Structure formats: C-alpha cells, structure tokens
Amino acid sequence: MAQEFASLGIVEVDGQEIDLTKLDVRVTTGRKPVKTINRKGRVKGFAKGITEYALSLTVVVPLNAAEPDWDNVTDAKITVEEENGKRISYTGCFTTETGTSYTVDSEEVRDLQMVALDKVEE
C-alpha cells in the first residue's frame, strides 16, 4: 500500500490567494558554538541566537487579475495550508529581492526572496 504524504495546499498573501509553483523555507537558528579552553580541546556547548525565517517563493503572474506590488510588501502574512488541514503562517513578511523568470512552458513567474519575523503553527 502506498503512503500518502502532505502536500502544499494554498498560499495567501494578505488574504489574496496566490498560485505558487515553489516555496522554500530556511530557518536559521542563530545558535553559535561556545569554545572554551579545556583539556579535551572541544566545543563545550552553544549560545542561543536569534531565529531567522527566509522564504523563497516562485509565483505565477496572473493574466487577468491584479498581483501584489511585490517590491513594496512590508508586512505580509503568508499562510500555507496543507491538504491534511495543518496551517503554518509566517507573519511580518517583507520582500528583500524580486525577479522575473520565463520557463520553457512559456510561463512568466516571479521569484521572490522574503524574510518573516515569526512562524505560527495553527
């Protein structure tokens, strides 16, 4: 019997549903090793850091609908809903880079780099 896996459902940016082709989320914990002078010559532990959430999105460009002004997004909420009902929201999102790509299927897409201030699992 084949296993069933969770898949990406919808992505919302400030209440507007966006067709997404790719989403990468990178979490940087900010932890750093604490090096001490000891006989074993090893790291003794770690120090807590500031967690960062970096989002890389690829979205399609709508033909007959308005798309968000990606260059000026400063306080967005991005919600990912999986088919199993689990929702993960990234709040306080702002855009750091935008770009446009054209695929082999003659599709125009936007490549976005964003940073989120917080992650909330609902």
C-alpha atoms as a PDB file:
ATOM      1  CA  MET A   1       0.000   0.000   0.000  1.00  0.00           C
ATOM      2  CA  ALA A   2       1.377   3.405  -0.961  1.00  0.00           C
ATOM      3  CA  GLN A   3       1.940   6.038   1.699  1.00  0.00           C
ATOM      4  CA  GLU A   4       0.145   9.344   1.483  1.00  0.00           C
ATOM      5  CA  PHE A   5       2.242  12.477   2.038  1.00  0.00           C
ATOM      6  CA  ALA A   6       1.264  16.022   2.945  1.00  0.00           C
ATOM      7  CA  SER A   7       1.397  18.444   0.067  1.00  0.00           C
ATOM      8  CA  LEU A   8       1.160  22.170  -0.350  1.00  0.00           C
ATOM      9  CA  GLY A   9      -2.399  23.422  -0.479  1.00  0.00           C
ATOM     10  CA  ILE A  10      -2.797  27.191  -0.734  1.00  0.00           C
ATOM     11  CA  VAL A  11      -0.712  30.240  -0.060  1.00  0.00           C
ATOM     12  CA  GLU A  12      -2.274  33.531   0.958  1.00  0.00           C
ATOM     13  CA  VAL A  13      -0.582  36.911   0.969  1.00  0.00           C
ATOM     14  CA  ASP A  14      -2.667  39.386   2.967  1.00  0.00           C
ATOM     15  CA  GLY A  15      -5.878  37.481   2.246  1.00  0.00           C
ATOM     16  CA  GLN A  16      -5.284  37.167  -1.505  1.00  0.00           C
ATOM     17  CA  GLU A  17      -4.706  33.624  -2.760  1.00  0.00           C
ATOM     18  CA  ILE A  18      -1.574  33.301  -4.859  1.00  0.00           C
ATOM     19  CA  ASP A  19      -0.799  30.462  -7.255  1.00  0.00           C
ATOM     20  CA  LEU A  20       2.507  29.095  -6.090  1.00  0.00           C
ATOM     21  CA  THR A  21       4.887  26.916  -8.037  1.00  0.00           C
ATOM     22  CA  LYS A  22       7.616  26.659  -5.400  1.00  0.00           C
ATOM     23  CA  LEU A  23       8.230  27.587  -1.766  1.00  0.00           C
ATOM     24  CA  ASP A  24      11.478  27.109   0.140  1.00  0.00           C
ATOM     25  CA  VAL A  25      11.654  27.946   3.834  1.00  0.00           C
ATOM     26  CA  ARG A  26      15.012  28.212   5.557  1.00  0.00           C
ATOM     27  CA  VAL A  27      15.253  28.568   9.308  1.00  0.00           C
ATOM     28  CA  THR A  28      18.496  29.881  10.779  1.00  0.00           C
ATOM     29  CA  THR A  29      18.566  29.164  14.499  1.00  0.00           C
ATOM     30  CA  GLY A  30      21.369  31.600  15.265  1.00  0.00           C
ATOM     31  CA  ARG A  31      22.994  29.161  17.690  1.00  0.00           C
ATOM     32  CA  LYS A  32      26.749  29.509  17.960  1.00  0.00           C
ATOM     33  CA  PRO A  33      29.291  27.131  19.429  1.00  0.00           C
ATOM     34  CA  VAL A  34      30.966  28.226  22.647  1.00  0.00           C
ATOM     35  CA  LYS A  35      34.668  27.497  22.533  1.00  0.00           C
ATOM     36  CA  THR A  36      36.337  27.255  25.895  1.00  0.00           C
ATOM     37  CA  ILE A  37      39.830  26.414  26.963  1.00  0.00           C
ATOM     38  CA  ASN A  38      39.576  22.850  28.203  1.00  0.00           C
ATOM     39  CA  ARG A  39      41.754  19.761  28.224  1.00  0.00           C
ATOM     40  CA  LYS A  40      39.754  17.917  25.574  1.00  0.00           C
ATOM     41  CA  GLY A  41      40.086  20.718  23.005  1.00  0.00           C
ATOM     42  CA  ARG A  42      36.401  20.584  22.067  1.00  0.00           C
ATOM     43  CA  VAL A  43      33.465  22.918  21.957  1.00  0.00           C
ATOM     44  CA  LYS A  44      31.820  22.945  25.377  1.00  0.00           C
ATOM     45  CA  GLY A  45      28.283  23.959  24.345  1.00  0.00           C
ATOM     46  CA  PHE A  46      26.307  26.562  22.453  1.00  0.00           C
ATOM     47  CA  ALA A  47      24.816  30.010  22.919  1.00  0.00           C
ATOM     48  CA  LYS A  48      21.269  30.823  21.887  1.00  0.00           C
ATOM     49  CA  GLY A  49      20.807  33.138  18.952  1.00  0.00           C
ATOM     50  CA  ILE A  50      18.089  34.959  17.066  1.00  0.00           C
ATOM     51  CA  THR A  51      15.973  32.769  14.792  1.00  0.00           C
ATOM     52  CA  GLU A  52      15.525  33.972  11.209  1.00  0.00           C
ATOM     53  CA  TYR A  53      12.984  32.762   8.647  1.00  0.00           C
ATOM     54  CA  ALA A  54      13.970  33.192   5.000  1.00  0.00           C
ATOM     55  CA  LEU A  55      11.340  32.419   2.356  1.00  0.00           C
ATOM     56  CA  SER A  56      11.992  31.853  -1.313  1.00  0.00           C
ATOM     57  CA  LEU A  57       8.813  31.873  -3.389  1.00  0.00           C
ATOM     58  CA  THR A  58       8.079  31.362  -7.052  1.00  0.00           C
ATOM     59  CA  VAL A  59       4.606  32.553  -8.024  1.00  0.00           C
ATOM     60  CA  VAL A  60       2.812  32.680 -11.354  1.00  0.00           C
ATOM     61  CA  VAL A  61       1.870  36.006 -12.895  1.00  0.00           C
ATOM     62  CA  PRO A  62      -1.932  36.288 -13.242  1.00  0.00           C
ATOM     63  CA  LEU A  63      -3.145  37.249 -16.686  1.00  0.00           C
ATOM     64  CA  ASN A  64      -6.499  38.835 -15.820  1.00  0.00           C
ATOM     65  CA  ALA A  65      -6.083  39.750 -12.162  1.00  0.00           C
ATOM     66  CA  ALA A  66      -4.047  42.242 -10.186  1.00  0.00           C
ATOM     67  CA  GLU A  67      -0.969  40.899  -8.457  1.00  0.00           C
ATOM     68  CA  PRO A  68       0.519  42.342  -5.283  1.00  0.00           C
ATOM     69  CA  ASP A  69       3.145  45.076  -5.577  1.00  0.00           C
ATOM     70  CA  TRP A  70       5.944  42.677  -4.614  1.00  0.00           C
ATOM     71  CA  ASP A  71       8.614  45.399  -4.400  1.00  0.00           C
ATOM     72  CA  ASN A  72       6.695  47.182  -1.630  1.00  0.00           C
ATOM     73  CA  VAL A  73       5.451  44.290   0.510  1.00  0.00           C
ATOM     74  CA  THR A  74       6.453  45.229   4.068  1.00  0.00           C
ATOM     75  CA  ASP A  75       4.063  43.478   6.465  1.00  0.00           C
ATOM     76  CA  ALA A  76       2.534  40.442   4.771  1.00  0.00           C
ATOM     77  CA  LYS A  77       1.191  37.257   6.269  1.00  0.00           C
ATOM     78  CA  ILE A  78       1.917  34.136   4.271  1.00  0.00           C
ATOM     79  CA  THR A  79      -0.183  31.126   5.198  1.00  0.00           C
ATOM     80  CA  VAL A  80       0.498  27.652   3.882  1.00  0.00           C
ATOM     81  CA  GLU A  81      -2.327  25.156   4.273  1.00  0.00           C
ATOM     82  CA  GLU A  82      -1.503  21.529   3.683  1.00  0.00           C
ATOM     83  CA  GLU A  83      -4.077  19.029   2.461  1.00  0.00           C
ATOM     84  CA  ASN A  84      -4.171  17.411   5.908  1.00  0.00           C
ATOM     85  CA  GLY A  85      -5.521  20.687   7.357  1.00  0.00           C
ATOM     86  CA  LYS A  86      -2.324  21.843   9.071  1.00  0.00           C
ATOM     87  CA  ARG A  87      -1.725  25.586   8.654  1.00  0.00           C
ATOM     88  CA  ILE A  88       1.596  27.358   9.052  1.00  0.00           C
ATOM     89  CA  SER A  89       1.682  31.149   8.965  1.00  0.00           C
ATOM     90  CA  TYR A  90       4.701  33.397   8.529  1.00  0.00           C
ATOM     91  CA  THR A  91       3.966  36.888   9.828  1.00  0.00           C
ATOM     92  CA  GLY A  92       5.650  40.247   9.366  1.00  0.00           C
ATOM     93  CA  CYS A  93       6.983  39.228   5.950  1.00  0.00           C
ATOM     94  CA  PHE A  94       8.833  41.737   3.826  1.00  0.00           C
ATOM     95  CA  THR A  95      10.405  41.433   0.399  1.00  0.00           C
ATOM     96  CA  THR A  96      14.185  41.616   0.040  1.00  0.00           C
ATOM     97  CA  GLU A  97      14.525  40.624  -3.642  1.00  0.00           C
ATOM     98  CA  THR A  98      12.206  40.275  -6.621  1.00  0.00           C
ATOM     99  CA  GLY A  99      12.840  38.882 -10.066  1.00  0.00           C
ATOM    100  CA  THR A 100      11.073  37.602 -13.156  1.00  0.00           C
ATOM    101  CA  SER A 101      11.728  34.318 -14.936  1.00  0.00           C
ATOM    102  CA  TYR A 102      10.363  32.716 -18.060  1.00  0.00           C
ATOM    103  CA  THR A 103      10.009  28.931 -18.154  1.00  0.00           C
ATOM    104  CA  VAL A 104      10.243  26.513 -21.046  1.00  0.00           C
ATOM    105  CA  ASP A 105       6.443  26.191 -20.942  1.00  0.00           C
ATOM    106  CA  SER A 106       6.131  29.896 -21.894  1.00  0.00           C
ATOM    107  CA  GLU A 107       5.124  30.769 -18.368  1.00  0.00           C
ATOM    108  CA  GLU A 108       6.136  34.003 -16.684  1.00  0.00           C
ATOM    109  CA  VAL A 109       6.841  33.654 -12.963  1.00  0.00           C
ATOM    110  CA  ARG A 110       8.020  35.930 -10.152  1.00  0.00           C
ATOM    111  CA  ASP A 111      10.931  34.843  -7.990  1.00  0.00           C
ATOM    112  CA  LEU A 112      10.720  36.401  -4.536  1.00  0.00           C
ATOM    113  CA  GLN A 113      13.025  36.428  -1.538  1.00  0.00           C
ATOM    114  CA  MET A 114      11.307  37.334   1.729  1.00  0.00           C
ATOM    115  CA  VAL A 115      12.107  37.411   5.429  1.00  0.00           C
ATOM    116  CA  ALA A 116       9.470  36.594   8.058  1.00  0.00           C
ATOM    117  CA  LEU A 117       9.568  37.873  11.614  1.00  0.00           C
ATOM    118  CA  ASP A 118       7.678  34.942  13.139  1.00  0.00           C
ATOM    119  CA  LYS A 119       6.267  31.476  12.441  1.00  0.00           C
ATOM    120  CA  VAL A 120       2.921  30.331  13.860  1.00  0.00           C
ATOM    121  CA  GLU A 121       1.582  26.767  13.581  1.00  0.00           C
ATOM    122  CA  GLU A 122      -2.196  26.715  13.717  1.00  0.00           C
END
